[in-house]
PDB file of N, CA and C in Angstrom:
ATOM      1  N   MET A   1      88.969  61.909  68.302  1.00  0.00           N
ATOM      2  CA  MET A   1      89.359  62.065  66.908  1.00  0.00           C
ATOM      3  C   MET A   1      88.438  63.092  66.254  1.00  0.00           C
ATOM      4  N   THR A   2      89.011  63.970  65.454  1.00  0.00           N
ATOM      5  CA  THR A   2      88.211  65.003  64.808  1.00  0.00           C
ATOM      6  C   THR A   2      87.836  64.586  63.410  1.00  0.00           C
ATOM      7  N   SER A   3      86.778  65.195  62.918  1.00  0.00           N
ATOM      8  CA  SER A   3      86.332  64.876  61.566  1.00  0.00           C
ATOM      9  C   SER A   3      87.139  65.691  60.564  1.00  0.00           C
ATOM     10  N   PRO A   4      87.251  65.198  59.329  1.00  0.00           N
ATOM     11  CA  PRO A   4      88.000  65.942  58.325  1.00  0.00           C
ATOM     12  C   PRO A   4      87.294  67.246  57.973  1.00  0.00           C
ATOM     13  N   ALA A   5      88.077  68.187  57.458  1.00  0.00           N
ATOM     14  CA  ALA A   5      87.507  69.450  57.003  1.00  0.00           C
ATOM     15  C   ALA A   5      86.604  69.169  55.814  1.00  0.00           C
ATOM     16  N   PRO A   6      85.592  70.000  55.619  1.00  0.00           N
ATOM     17  CA  PRO A   6      84.745  69.816  54.450  1.00  0.00           C
ATOM     18  C   PRO A   6      85.583  69.885  53.170  1.00  0.00           C
ATOM     19  N   ALA A   7      85.325  68.987  52.248  1.00  0.00           N
ATOM     20  CA  ALA A   7      86.096  68.942  51.002  1.00  0.00           C
ATOM     21  C   ALA A   7      85.900  70.208  50.174  1.00  0.00           C
ATOM     22  N   HIS A   8      84.816  70.924  50.404  1.00  0.00           N
ATOM     23  CA  HIS A   8      84.503  72.094  49.589  1.00  0.00           C
ATOM     24  C   HIS A   8      85.099  73.392  50.118  1.00  0.00           C
ATOM     25  N   VAL A   9      85.820  73.356  51.231  1.00  0.00           N
ATOM     26  CA  VAL A   9      86.390  74.574  51.793  1.00  0.00           C
ATOM     27  C   VAL A   9      87.423  75.143  50.817  1.00  0.00           C
ATOM     28  N   LEU A  10      87.358  76.463  50.602  1.00  0.00           N
ATOM     29  CA  LEU A  10      88.263  77.115  49.654  1.00  0.00           C
ATOM     30  C   LEU A  10      88.973  78.285  50.329  1.00  0.00           C
ATOM     31  N   PRO A  11      90.211  78.542  49.918  1.00  0.00           N
ATOM     32  CA  PRO A  11      90.928  79.674  50.496  1.00  0.00           C
ATOM     33  C   PRO A  11      90.428  80.987  49.884  1.00  0.00           C
ATOM     34  N   THR A  12      90.448  82.020  50.700  1.00  0.00           N
ATOM     35  CA  THR A  12      90.119  83.357  50.201  1.00  0.00           C
ATOM     36  C   THR A  12      91.359  84.237  50.190  1.00  0.00           C
ATOM     37  N   GLU A  13      92.395  83.808  50.912  1.00  0.00           N
ATOM     38  CA  GLU A  13      93.634  84.582  50.998  1.00  0.00           C
ATOM     39  C   GLU A  13      94.763  83.663  51.452  1.00  0.00           C
ATOM     40  N   ILE A  14      95.919  83.788  50.814  1.00  0.00           N
ATOM     41  CA  ILE A  14      97.118  83.045  51.214  1.00  0.00           C
ATOM     42  C   ILE A  14      98.278  84.032  51.206  1.00  0.00           C
ATOM     43  N   THR A  15      98.992  84.125  52.333  1.00  0.00           N
ATOM     44  CA  THR A  15     100.126  85.038  52.449  1.00  0.00           C
ATOM     45  C   THR A  15     101.297  84.312  53.095  1.00  0.00           C
ATOM     46  N   LEU A  16     102.466  84.439  52.475  1.00  0.00           N
ATOM     47  CA  LEU A  16     103.695  83.927  53.089  1.00  0.00           C
ATOM     48  C   LEU A  16     104.325  85.068  53.870  1.00  0.00           C
ATOM     49  N   HIS A  17     104.590  84.832  55.125  1.00  0.00           N
ATOM     50  CA  HIS A  17     105.277  85.799  55.975  1.00  0.00           C
ATOM     51  C   HIS A  17     106.694  85.271  56.193  1.00  0.00           C
ATOM     52  N   GLN A  18     107.634  85.724  55.382  1.00  0.00           N
ATOM     53  CA  GLN A  18     108.997  85.193  55.434  1.00  0.00           C
ATOM     54  C   GLN A  18     109.692  85.493  56.756  1.00  0.00           C
ATOM     55  N   ARG A  19     109.496  86.686  57.291  1.00  0.00           N
ATOM     56  CA  ARG A  19     110.196  87.058  58.527  1.00  0.00           C
ATOM     57  C   ARG A  19     109.789  86.156  59.696  1.00  0.00           C
ATOM     58  N   SER A  20     108.482  85.895  59.833  1.00  0.00           N
ATOM     59  CA  SER A  20     108.013  85.045  60.936  1.00  0.00           C
ATOM     60  C   SER A  20     107.947  83.571  60.543  1.00  0.00           C
ATOM     61  N   ARG A  21     108.264  83.270  59.282  1.00  0.00           N
ATOM     62  CA  ARG A  21     108.227  81.897  58.753  1.00  0.00           C
ATOM     63  C   ARG A  21     106.861  81.267  58.967  1.00  0.00           C
ATOM     64  N   GLN A  22     105.840  81.959  58.485  1.00  0.00           N
ATOM     65  CA  GLN A  22     104.474  81.451  58.612  1.00  0.00           C
ATOM     66  C   GLN A  22     103.719  81.631  57.304  1.00  0.00           C
ATOM     67  N   LEU A  23     102.846  80.675  57.038  1.00  0.00           N
ATOM     68  CA  LEU A  23     101.894  80.779  55.944  1.00  0.00           C
ATOM     69  C   LEU A  23     100.557  81.125  56.592  1.00  0.00           C
ATOM     70  N   GLU A  24      99.979  82.225  56.159  1.00  0.00           N
ATOM     71  CA  GLU A  24      98.669  82.626  56.662  1.00  0.00           C
ATOM     72  C   GLU A  24      97.648  82.283  55.592  1.00  0.00           C
ATOM     73  N   ILE A  25      96.587  81.620  56.012  1.00  0.00           N
ATOM     74  CA  ILE A  25      95.556  81.220  55.057  1.00  0.00           C
ATOM     75  C   ILE A  25      94.178  81.448  55.662  1.00  0.00           C
ATOM     76  N   ALA A  26      93.335  82.101  54.876  1.00  0.00           N
ATOM     77  CA  ALA A  26      91.948  82.348  55.279  1.00  0.00           C
ATOM     78  C   ALA A  26      91.054  81.523  54.361  1.00  0.00           C
ATOM     79  N   PHE A  27      89.951  81.039  54.922  1.00  0.00           N
ATOM     80  CA  PHE A  27      89.034  80.183  54.178  1.00  0.00           C
ATOM     81  C   PHE A  27      87.649  80.807  54.094  1.00  0.00           C
ATOM     82  N   ASP A  28      86.882  80.322  53.131  1.00  0.00           N
ATOM     83  CA  ASP A  28      85.543  80.853  52.918  1.00  0.00           C
ATOM     84  C   ASP A  28      84.546  80.489  54.013  1.00  0.00           C
ATOM     85  N   ASP A  29      84.952  79.636  54.953  1.00  0.00           N
ATOM     86  CA  ASP A  29      84.071  79.338  56.094  1.00  0.00           C
ATOM     87  C   ASP A  29      84.357  80.270  57.273  1.00  0.00           C
ATOM     88  N   GLY A  30      85.260  81.247  57.060  1.00  0.00           N
ATOM     89  CA  GLY A  30      85.598  82.213  58.096  1.00  0.00           C
ATOM     90  C   GLY A  30      86.842  81.858  58.895  1.00  0.00           C
ATOM     91  N   ALA A  31      87.356  80.649  58.743  1.00  0.00           N
ATOM     92  CA  ALA A  31      88.559  80.241  59.477  1.00  0.00           C
ATOM     93  C   ALA A  31      89.780  80.951  58.905  1.00  0.00           C
ATOM     94  N   ARG A  32      90.723  81.286  59.780  1.00  0.00           N
ATOM     95  CA  ARG A  32      91.997  81.895  59.389  1.00  0.00           C
ATOM     96  C   ARG A  32      93.079  81.298  60.277  1.00  0.00           C
ATOM     97  N   PHE A  33      94.153  80.841  59.648  1.00  0.00           N
ATOM     98  CA  PHE A  33      95.233  80.192  60.384  1.00  0.00           C
ATOM     99  C   PHE A  33      96.578  80.759  59.961  1.00  0.00           C
ATOM    100  N   ARG A  34      97.529  80.773  60.911  1.00  0.00           N
ATOM    101  CA  ARG A  34      98.937  81.084  60.632  1.00  0.00           C
ATOM    102  C   ARG A  34      99.717  79.820  60.989  1.00  0.00           C
ATOM    103  N   LEU A  35     100.287  79.197  59.979  1.00  0.00           N
ATOM    104  CA  LEU A  35     100.963  77.921  60.144  1.00  0.00           C
ATOM    105  C   LEU A  35     102.464  78.097  59.934  1.00  0.00           C
ATOM    106  N   ASP A  36     103.248  77.720  60.951  1.00  0.00           N
ATOM    107  CA  ASP A  36     104.705  77.816  60.848  1.00  0.00           C
ATOM    108  C   ASP A  36     105.212  76.945  59.712  1.00  0.00           C
ATOM    109  N   PHE A  37     106.257  77.425  59.025  1.00  0.00           N
ATOM    110  CA  PHE A  37     106.867  76.646  57.952  1.00  0.00           C
ATOM    111  C   PHE A  37     107.338  75.293  58.479  1.00  0.00           C
ATOM    112  N   GLU A  38     107.931  75.287  59.664  1.00  0.00           N
ATOM    113  CA  GLU A  38     108.412  74.033  60.257  1.00  0.00           C
ATOM    114  C   GLU A  38     107.254  73.042  60.426  1.00  0.00           C
ATOM    115  N   TYR A  39     106.139  73.525  60.929  1.00  0.00           N
ATOM    116  CA  TYR A  39     104.951  72.690  61.132  1.00  0.00           C
ATOM    117  C   TYR A  39     104.494  72.093  59.803  1.00  0.00           C
ATOM    118  N   LEU A  40     104.429  72.927  58.775  1.00  0.00           N
ATOM    119  CA  LEU A  40     104.032  72.433  57.455  1.00  0.00           C
ATOM    120  C   LEU A  40     105.016  71.391  56.931  1.00  0.00           C
ATOM    121  N   ARG A  41     106.297  71.625  57.159  1.00  0.00           N
ATOM    122  CA  ARG A  41     107.326  70.714  56.645  1.00  0.00           C
ATOM    123  C   ARG A  41     107.286  69.362  57.347  1.00  0.00           C
ATOM    124  N   VAL A  42     107.183  69.362  58.680  1.00  0.00           N
ATOM    125  CA  VAL A  42     107.252  68.089  59.401  1.00  0.00           C
ATOM    126  C   VAL A  42     105.975  67.269  59.262  1.00  0.00           C
ATOM    127  N   LEU A  43     104.872  67.923  58.880  1.00  0.00           N
ATOM    128  CA  LEU A  43     103.611  67.206  58.681  1.00  0.00           C
ATOM    129  C   LEU A  43     103.247  67.102  57.200  1.00  0.00           C
ATOM    130  N   SER A  44     104.239  67.199  56.350  1.00  0.00           N
ATOM    131  CA  SER A  44     104.014  67.121  54.909  1.00  0.00           C
ATOM    132  C   SER A  44     103.199  65.878  54.546  1.00  0.00           C
ATOM    133  N   PRO A  45     102.259  66.032  53.615  1.00  0.00           N
ATOM    134  CA  PRO A  45     101.466  64.878  53.173  1.00  0.00           C
ATOM    135  C   PRO A  45     102.203  63.994  52.166  1.00  0.00           C
ATOM    136  N   SER A  46     103.478  64.267  51.912  1.00  0.00           N
ATOM    137  CA  SER A  46     104.222  63.502  50.912  1.00  0.00           C
ATOM    138  C   SER A  46     104.509  62.077  51.375  1.00  0.00           C
ATOM    139  N   ALA A  47     104.724  61.200  50.430  1.00  0.00           N
ATOM    140  CA  ALA A  47     105.103  59.813  50.739  1.00  0.00           C
ATOM    141  C   ALA A  47     106.464  59.778  51.424  1.00  0.00           C
ATOM    142  N   GLU A  48     107.321  60.741  51.128  1.00  0.00           N
ATOM    143  CA  GLU A  48     108.639  60.828  51.754  1.00  0.00           C
ATOM    144  C   GLU A  48     108.522  60.966  53.274  1.00  0.00           C
ATOM    145  N   VAL A  49     107.467  61.632  53.737  1.00  0.00           N
ATOM    146  CA  VAL A  49     107.246  61.850  55.169  1.00  0.00           C
ATOM    147  C   VAL A  49     106.265  60.830  55.733  1.00  0.00           C
ATOM    148  N   ARG A  50     105.172  60.599  55.034  1.00  0.00           N
ATOM    149  CA  ARG A  50     104.108  59.725  55.536  1.00  0.00           C
ATOM    150  C   ARG A  50     104.316  58.255  55.221  1.00  0.00           C
ATOM    151  N   GLY A  51     105.190  57.966  54.276  1.00  0.00           N
ATOM    152  CA  GLY A  51     105.369  56.588  53.851  1.00  0.00           C
ATOM    153  C   GLY A  51     104.212  56.168  52.948  1.00  0.00           C
ATOM    154  N   HIS A  52     104.171  54.893  52.664  1.00  0.00           N
ATOM    155  CA  HIS A  52     103.122  54.368  51.779  1.00  0.00           C
ATOM    156  C   HIS A  52     102.078  53.566  52.526  1.00  0.00           C
ATOM    157  N   GLY A  53     102.131  53.624  53.854  1.00  0.00           N
ATOM    158  CA  GLY A  53     101.157  52.907  54.656  1.00  0.00           C
ATOM    159  C   GLY A  53     101.464  53.073  56.130  1.00  0.00           C
ATOM    160  N   PRO A  54     100.569  52.587  56.971  1.00  0.00           N
ATOM    161  CA  PRO A  54     100.759  52.700  58.415  1.00  0.00           C
ATOM    162  C   PRO A  54     102.097  52.118  58.864  1.00  0.00           C
ATOM    163  N   GLY A  55     102.758  52.831  59.756  1.00  0.00           N
ATOM    164  CA  GLY A  55     104.032  52.376  60.277  1.00  0.00           C
ATOM    165  C   GLY A  55     105.231  52.747  59.433  1.00  0.00           C
ATOM    166  N   GLN A  56     105.007  53.371  58.295  1.00  0.00           N
ATOM    167  CA  GLN A  56     106.107  53.741  57.409  1.00  0.00           C
ATOM    168  C   GLN A  56     106.466  55.222  57.495  1.00  0.00           C
ATOM    169  N   GLU A  57     105.859  55.940  58.449  1.00  0.00           N
ATOM    170  CA  GLU A  57     106.126  57.356  58.598  1.00  0.00           C
ATOM    171  C   GLU A  57     107.601  57.586  58.924  1.00  0.00           C
ATOM    172  N   VAL A  58     108.146  58.700  58.430  1.00  0.00           N
ATOM    173  CA  VAL A  58     109.536  59.052  58.690  1.00  0.00           C
ATOM    174  C   VAL A  58     109.543  60.330  59.521  1.00  0.00           C
ATOM    175  N   LEU A  59     110.016  60.231  60.759  1.00  0.00           N
ATOM    176  CA  LEU A  59     110.064  61.383  61.648  1.00  0.00           C
ATOM    177  C   LEU A  59     111.008  62.432  61.076  1.00  0.00           C
ATOM    178  N   GLN A  60     110.510  63.646  60.931  1.00  0.00           N
ATOM    179  CA  GLN A  60     111.309  64.751  60.400  1.00  0.00           C
ATOM    180  C   GLN A  60     111.988  65.471  61.555  1.00  0.00           C
ATOM    181  N   VAL A  61     113.291  65.600  61.491  1.00  0.00           N
ATOM    182  CA  VAL A  61     114.056  66.223  62.574  1.00  0.00           C
ATOM    183  C   VAL A  61     114.881  67.381  62.017  1.00  0.00           C
ATOM    184  N   GLY A  62     115.251  68.307  62.912  1.00  0.00           N
ATOM    185  CA  GLY A  62     116.128  69.405  62.523  1.00  0.00           C
ATOM    186  C   GLY A  62     115.516  70.408  61.569  1.00  0.00           C
ATOM    187  N   LYS A  63     114.212  70.606  61.627  1.00  0.00           N
ATOM    188  CA  LYS A  63     113.537  71.474  60.654  1.00  0.00           C
ATOM    189  C   LYS A  63     113.115  72.836  61.231  1.00  0.00           C
ATOM    190  N   ARG A  64     113.609  73.180  62.428  1.00  0.00           N
ATOM    191  CA  ARG A  64     113.202  74.427  63.082  1.00  0.00           C
ATOM    192  C   ARG A  64     113.387  75.654  62.179  1.00  0.00           C
ATOM    193  N   ASP A  65     114.471  75.716  61.423  1.00  0.00           N
ATOM    194  CA  ASP A  65     114.791  76.912  60.639  1.00  0.00           C
ATOM    195  C   ASP A  65     114.418  76.811  59.163  1.00  0.00           C
ATOM    196  N   VAL A  66     113.614  75.832  58.791  1.00  0.00           N
ATOM    197  CA  VAL A  66     113.266  75.638  57.382  1.00  0.00           C
ATOM    198  C   VAL A  66     112.445  76.826  56.854  1.00  0.00           C
ATOM    199  N   ASN A  67     112.677  77.140  55.597  1.00  0.00           N
ATOM    200  CA  ASN A  67     111.932  78.214  54.924  1.00  0.00           C
ATOM    201  C   ASN A  67     111.192  77.663  53.723  1.00  0.00           C
ATOM    202  N   ILE A  68     110.139  78.340  53.350  1.00  0.00           N
ATOM    203  CA  ILE A  68     109.458  78.060  52.087  1.00  0.00           C
ATOM    204  C   ILE A  68     110.012  79.043  51.071  1.00  0.00           C
ATOM    205  N   VAL A  69     110.516  78.516  49.968  1.00  0.00           N
ATOM    206  CA  VAL A  69     111.132  79.362  48.949  1.00  0.00           C
ATOM    207  C   VAL A  69     110.256  79.525  47.712  1.00  0.00           C
ATOM    208  N   ALA A  70     109.227  78.687  47.583  1.00  0.00           N
ATOM    209  CA  ALA A  70     108.314  78.774  46.439  1.00  0.00           C
ATOM    210  C   ALA A  70     107.001  78.097  46.809  1.00  0.00           C
ATOM    211  N   VAL A  71     105.937  78.555  46.176  1.00  0.00           N
ATOM    212  CA  VAL A  71     104.631  77.917  46.336  1.00  0.00           C
ATOM    213  C   VAL A  71     104.003  77.824  44.949  1.00  0.00           C
ATOM    214  N   GLU A  72     103.683  76.598  44.551  1.00  0.00           N
ATOM    215  CA  GLU A  72     103.049  76.373  43.254  1.00  0.00           C
ATOM    216  C   GLU A  72     101.599  75.962  43.456  1.00  0.00           C
ATOM    217  N   PRO A  73     100.679  76.550  42.678  1.00  0.00           N
ATOM    218  CA  PRO A  73      99.302  76.059  42.740  1.00  0.00           C
ATOM    219  C   PRO A  73      99.224  74.669  42.113  1.00  0.00           C
ATOM    220  N   VAL A  74      98.337  73.839  42.648  1.00  0.00           N
ATOM    221  CA  VAL A  74      98.098  72.508  42.090  1.00  0.00           C
ATOM    222  C   VAL A  74      96.614  72.449  41.754  1.00  0.00           C
ATOM    223  N   GLY A  75      96.312  72.597  40.472  1.00  0.00           N
ATOM    224  CA  GLY A  75      94.917  72.630  40.047  1.00  0.00           C
ATOM    225  C   GLY A  75      94.144  73.669  40.822  1.00  0.00           C
ATOM    226  N   ASN A  76      92.906  73.337  41.131  1.00  0.00           N
ATOM    227  CA  ASN A  76      92.055  74.214  41.936  1.00  0.00           C
ATOM    228  C   ASN A  76      91.906  73.679  43.346  1.00  0.00           C
ATOM    229  N   TYR A  77      92.776  72.740  43.739  1.00  0.00           N
ATOM    230  CA  TYR A  77      92.537  72.065  45.009  1.00  0.00           C
ATOM    231  C   TYR A  77      93.657  72.188  46.024  1.00  0.00           C
ATOM    232  N   GLY A  78      94.774  72.852  45.698  1.00  0.00           N
ATOM    233  CA  GLY A  78      95.820  72.939  46.690  1.00  0.00           C
ATOM    234  C   GLY A  78      97.070  73.642  46.211  1.00  0.00           C
ATOM    235  N   ILE A  79      98.138  73.499  47.008  1.00  0.00           N
ATOM    236  CA  ILE A  79      99.428  74.093  46.702  1.00  0.00           C
ATOM    237  C   ILE A  79     100.531  73.074  46.970  1.00  0.00           C
ATOM    238  N   ARG A  80     101.687  73.331  46.349  1.00  0.00           N
ATOM    239  CA  ARG A  80     102.885  72.533  46.590  1.00  0.00           C
ATOM    240  C   ARG A  80     103.985  73.512  46.999  1.00  0.00           C
ATOM    241  N   PRO A  81     104.278  73.580  48.307  1.00  0.00           N
ATOM    242  CA  PRO A  81     105.373  74.448  48.733  1.00  0.00           C
ATOM    243  C   PRO A  81     106.724  73.800  48.461  1.00  0.00           C
ATOM    244  N   GLY A  82     107.694  74.633  48.135  1.00  0.00           N
ATOM    245  CA  GLY A  82     109.073  74.180  48.016  1.00  0.00           C
ATOM    246  C   GLY A  82     109.858  74.709  49.205  1.00  0.00           C
ATOM    247  N   PHE A  83     110.492  73.824  49.934  1.00  0.00           N
ATOM    248  CA  PHE A  83     111.236  74.196  51.129  1.00  0.00           C
ATOM    249  C   PHE A  83     112.722  74.297  50.808  1.00  0.00           C
ATOM    250  N   ASP A  84     113.431  75.106  51.588  1.00  0.00           N
ATOM    251  CA  ASP A  84     114.850  75.311  51.303  1.00  0.00           C
ATOM    252  C   ASP A  84     115.732  74.112  51.635  1.00  0.00           C
ATOM    253  N   ASP A  85     115.159  73.061  52.210  1.00  0.00           N
ATOM    254  CA  ASP A  85     115.917  71.818  52.423  1.00  0.00           C
ATOM    255  C   ASP A  85     115.756  70.868  51.233  1.00  0.00           C
ATOM    256  N   GLY A  86     115.095  71.348  50.183  1.00  0.00           N
ATOM    257  CA  GLY A  86     114.923  70.561  48.968  1.00  0.00           C
ATOM    258  C   GLY A  86     113.612  69.798  48.886  1.00  0.00           C
ATOM    259  N   HIS A  87     112.858  69.750  49.968  1.00  0.00           N
ATOM    260  CA  HIS A  87     111.584  69.016  49.956  1.00  0.00           C
ATOM    261  C   HIS A  87     110.543  69.816  49.172  1.00  0.00           C
ATOM    262  N   ASN A  88     109.941  69.178  48.173  1.00  0.00           N
ATOM    263  CA  ASN A  88     108.922  69.866  47.365  1.00  0.00           C
ATOM    264  C   ASN A  88     107.905  68.893  46.775  1.00  0.00           C
ATOM    265  N   THR A  89     107.696  67.765  47.429  1.00  0.00           N
ATOM    266  CA  THR A  89     106.802  66.762  46.856  1.00  0.00           C
ATOM    267  C   THR A  89     105.443  66.673  47.541  1.00  0.00           C
ATOM    268  N   GLY A  90     105.221  67.439  48.589  1.00  0.00           N
ATOM    269  CA  GLY A  90     103.939  67.368  49.280  1.00  0.00           C
ATOM    270  C   GLY A  90     102.893  68.267  48.631  1.00  0.00           C
ATOM    271  N   ILE A  91     101.730  67.694  48.329  1.00  0.00           N
ATOM    272  CA  ILE A  91     100.605  68.495  47.826  1.00  0.00           C
ATOM    273  C   ILE A  91      99.651  68.714  48.980  1.00  0.00           C
ATOM    274  N   TYR A  92      99.505  69.963  49.357  1.00  0.00           N
ATOM    275  CA  TYR A  92      98.672  70.373  50.488  1.00  0.00           C
ATOM    276  C   TYR A  92      97.323  70.826  49.940  1.00  0.00           C
ATOM    277  N   THR A  93      96.325  69.971  50.067  1.00  0.00           N
ATOM    278  CA  THR A  93      94.992  70.336  49.587  1.00  0.00           C
ATOM    279  C   THR A  93      94.401  71.385  50.527  1.00  0.00           C
ATOM    280  N   TRP A  94      93.377  72.076  50.053  1.00  0.00           N
ATOM    281  CA  TRP A  94      92.715  73.076  50.903  1.00  0.00           C
ATOM    282  C   TRP A  94      92.170  72.409  52.163  1.00  0.00           C
ATOM    283  N   ALA A  95      91.553  71.240  52.005  1.00  0.00           N
ATOM    284  CA  ALA A  95      91.001  70.536  53.167  1.00  0.00           C
ATOM    285  C   ALA A  95      92.109  70.152  54.150  1.00  0.00           C
ATOM    286  N   PHE A  96      93.275  69.711  53.649  1.00  0.00           N
ATOM    287  CA  PHE A  96      94.383  69.335  54.512  1.00  0.00           C
ATOM    288  C   PHE A  96      94.918  70.558  55.263  1.00  0.00           C
ATOM    289  N   LEU A  97      95.080  71.684  54.578  1.00  0.00           N
ATOM    290  CA  LEU A  97      95.546  72.907  55.236  1.00  0.00           C
ATOM    291  C   LEU A  97      94.552  73.361  56.302  1.00  0.00           C
ATOM    292  N   HIS A  98      93.276  73.219  56.020  1.00  0.00           N
ATOM    293  CA  HIS A  98      92.243  73.573  57.001  1.00  0.00           C
ATOM    294  C   HIS A  98      92.373  72.677  58.236  1.00  0.00           C
ATOM    295  N   GLU A  99      92.573  71.386  58.018  1.00  0.00           N
ATOM    296  CA  GLU A  99      92.755  70.446  59.137  1.00  0.00           C
ATOM    297  C   GLU A  99      94.009  70.784  59.932  1.00  0.00           C
ATOM    298  N   LEU A 100      95.105  71.115  59.243  1.00  0.00           N
ATOM    299  CA  LEU A 100      96.334  71.484  59.943  1.00  0.00           C
ATOM    300  C   LEU A 100      96.108  72.692  60.847  1.00  0.00           C
ATOM    301  N   GLY A 101      95.333  73.640  60.368  1.00  0.00           N
ATOM    302  CA  GLY A 101      95.032  74.814  61.184  1.00  0.00           C
ATOM    303  C   GLY A 101      94.105  74.485  62.334  1.00  0.00           C
ATOM    304  N   ARG A 102      93.029  73.802  62.023  1.00  0.00           N
ATOM    305  CA  ARG A 102      92.020  73.474  63.038  1.00  0.00           C
ATOM    306  C   ARG A 102      92.582  72.585  64.142  1.00  0.00           C
ATOM    307  N   ASP A 103      93.418  71.618  63.782  1.00  0.00           N
ATOM    308  CA  ASP A 103      93.924  70.629  64.729  1.00  0.00           C
ATOM    309  C   ASP A 103      95.373  70.906  65.153  1.00  0.00           C
ATOM    310  N   HIS A 104      95.815  72.144  64.972  1.00  0.00           N
ATOM    311  CA  HIS A 104      97.214  72.511  65.205  1.00  0.00           C
ATOM    312  C   HIS A 104      97.747  72.041  66.555  1.00  0.00           C
ATOM    313  N   ASP A 105      97.066  72.390  67.630  1.00  0.00           N
ATOM    314  CA  ASP A 105      97.610  72.102  68.962  1.00  0.00           C
ATOM    315  C   ASP A 105      97.817  70.609  69.184  1.00  0.00           C
ATOM    316  N   ARG A 106      96.859  69.797  68.785  1.00  0.00           N
ATOM    317  CA  ARG A 106      96.979  68.347  68.951  1.00  0.00           C
ATOM    318  C   ARG A 106      98.076  67.769  68.049  1.00  0.00           C
ATOM    319  N   LEU A 107      98.105  68.180  66.792  1.00  0.00           N
ATOM    320  CA  LEU A 107      99.098  67.651  65.857  1.00  0.00           C
ATOM    321  C   LEU A 107     100.511  68.053  66.258  1.00  0.00           C
ATOM    322  N   TRP A 108     100.686  69.297  66.715  1.00  0.00           N
ATOM    323  CA  TRP A 108     102.007  69.764  67.122  1.00  0.00           C
ATOM    324  C   TRP A 108     102.463  69.017  68.381  1.00  0.00           C
ATOM    325  N   ALA A 109     101.565  68.841  69.344  1.00  0.00           N
ATOM    326  CA  ALA A 109     101.901  68.105  70.572  1.00  0.00           C
ATOM    327  C   ALA A 109     102.281  66.662  70.240  1.00  0.00           C
ATOM    328  N   ASP A 110     101.563  66.034  69.325  1.00  0.00           N
ATOM    329  CA  ASP A 110     101.888  64.665  68.907  1.00  0.00           C
ATOM    330  C   ASP A 110     103.279  64.610  68.284  1.00  0.00           C
ATOM    331  N   TYR A 111     103.574  65.576  67.423  1.00  0.00           N
ATOM    332  CA  TYR A 111     104.894  65.625  66.778  1.00  0.00           C
ATOM    333  C   TYR A 111     105.997  65.787  67.824  1.00  0.00           C
ATOM    334  N   LEU A 112     105.824  66.732  68.753  1.00  0.00           N
ATOM    335  CA  LEU A 112     106.835  66.963  69.783  1.00  0.00           C
ATOM    336  C   LEU A 112     107.033  65.725  70.654  1.00  0.00           C
ATOM    337  N   ALA A 113     105.957  64.996  70.935  1.00  0.00           N
ATOM    338  CA  ALA A 113     106.061  63.764  71.725  1.00  0.00           C
ATOM    339  C   ALA A 113     106.846  62.701  70.964  1.00  0.00           C
ATOM    340  N   ARG A 114     106.594  62.564  69.664  1.00  0.00           N
ATOM    341  CA  ARG A 114     107.341  61.587  68.858  1.00  0.00           C
ATOM    342  C   ARG A 114     108.815  61.970  68.778  1.00  0.00           C
ATOM    343  N   LEU A 115     109.090  63.256  68.650  1.00  0.00           N
ATOM    344  CA  LEU A 115     110.460  63.748  68.605  1.00  0.00           C
ATOM    345  C   LEU A 115     111.186  63.423  69.912  1.00  0.00           C
ATOM    346  N   ALA A 116     110.525  63.696  71.035  1.00  0.00           N
ATOM    347  CA  ALA A 116     111.116  63.421  72.353  1.00  0.00           C
ATOM    348  C   ALA A 116     111.349  61.927  72.545  1.00  0.00           C
ATOM    349  N   ALA A 117     110.386  61.112  72.142  1.00  0.00           N
ATOM    350  CA  ALA A 117     110.517  59.658  72.291  1.00  0.00           C
ATOM    351  C   ALA A 117     111.697  59.118  71.482  1.00  0.00           C
ATOM    352  N   ALA A 118     112.002  59.796  70.366  1.00  0.00           N
ATOM    353  CA  ALA A 118     113.117  59.362  69.524  1.00  0.00           C
ATOM    354  C   ALA A 118     114.443  59.970  69.978  1.00  0.00           C
ATOM    355  N   GLY A 119     114.384  60.859  70.974  1.00  0.00           N
ATOM    356  CA  GLY A 119     115.608  61.533  71.420  1.00  0.00           C
ATOM    357  C   GLY A 119     116.156  62.458  70.363  1.00  0.00           C
ATOM    358  N   ALA A 120     115.270  62.990  69.515  1.00  0.00           N
ATOM    359  CA  ALA A 120     115.673  63.835  68.396  1.00  0.00           C
ATOM    360  C   ALA A 120     115.373  65.302  68.700  1.00  0.00           C
ATOM    361  N   SER A 121     115.825  66.175  67.824  1.00  0.00           N
ATOM    362  CA  SER A 121     115.694  67.615  68.053  1.00  0.00           C
ATOM    363  C   SER A 121     115.090  68.326  66.852  1.00  0.00           C
ATOM    364  N   ARG A 122     114.442  69.437  67.154  1.00  0.00           N
ATOM    365  CA  ARG A 122     113.937  70.323  66.105  1.00  0.00           C
ATOM    366  C   ARG A 122     115.074  71.118  65.472  1.00  0.00           C
ATOM    367  N   ASP A 123     116.191  71.224  66.181  1.00  0.00           N
ATOM    368  CA  ASP A 123     117.316  72.026  65.717  1.00  0.00           C
ATOM    369  C   ASP A 123     118.119  71.274  64.676  1.00  0.00           C
ATOM    370  N   PRO A 124     118.628  72.002  63.644  1.00  0.00           N
ATOM    371  CA  PRO A 124     119.494  71.358  62.655  1.00  0.00           C
ATOM    372  C   PRO A 124     120.733  70.785  63.318  1.00  0.00           C
ATOM    373  N   ALA A 125     121.277  69.739  62.755  1.00  0.00           N
ATOM    374  CA  ALA A 125     122.465  69.070  63.327  1.00  0.00           C
ATOM    375  C   ALA A 125     123.663  69.985  63.360  1.00  0.00           C
TER     376      ALA A 125
END
């Protein structure tokens, strides 16, 4: 298990790459990540995705082609992306985005394993 990102980590640059469907984010600790829109959507920190407690998570399926259509700043601590499937309730703190980048390979593999176990697909229905 990895430790959480430092709470004080701040972004120095955020770029949406619409063609490749990636959010690129650089941090003041020198880290730089390119996060697929699909990855951000399926791991949303919203209650709609995570539930309100352990065991209440909702597996997100069919999100391979999802796009981010808007990004709103949330105070000085994060952003709220709006996705073209209507999802816009997740607040992605700087620390959470840093963790998503740092732990990408493990988190993505876990998601793909859960998808396979459910017999579900990344492709839209």
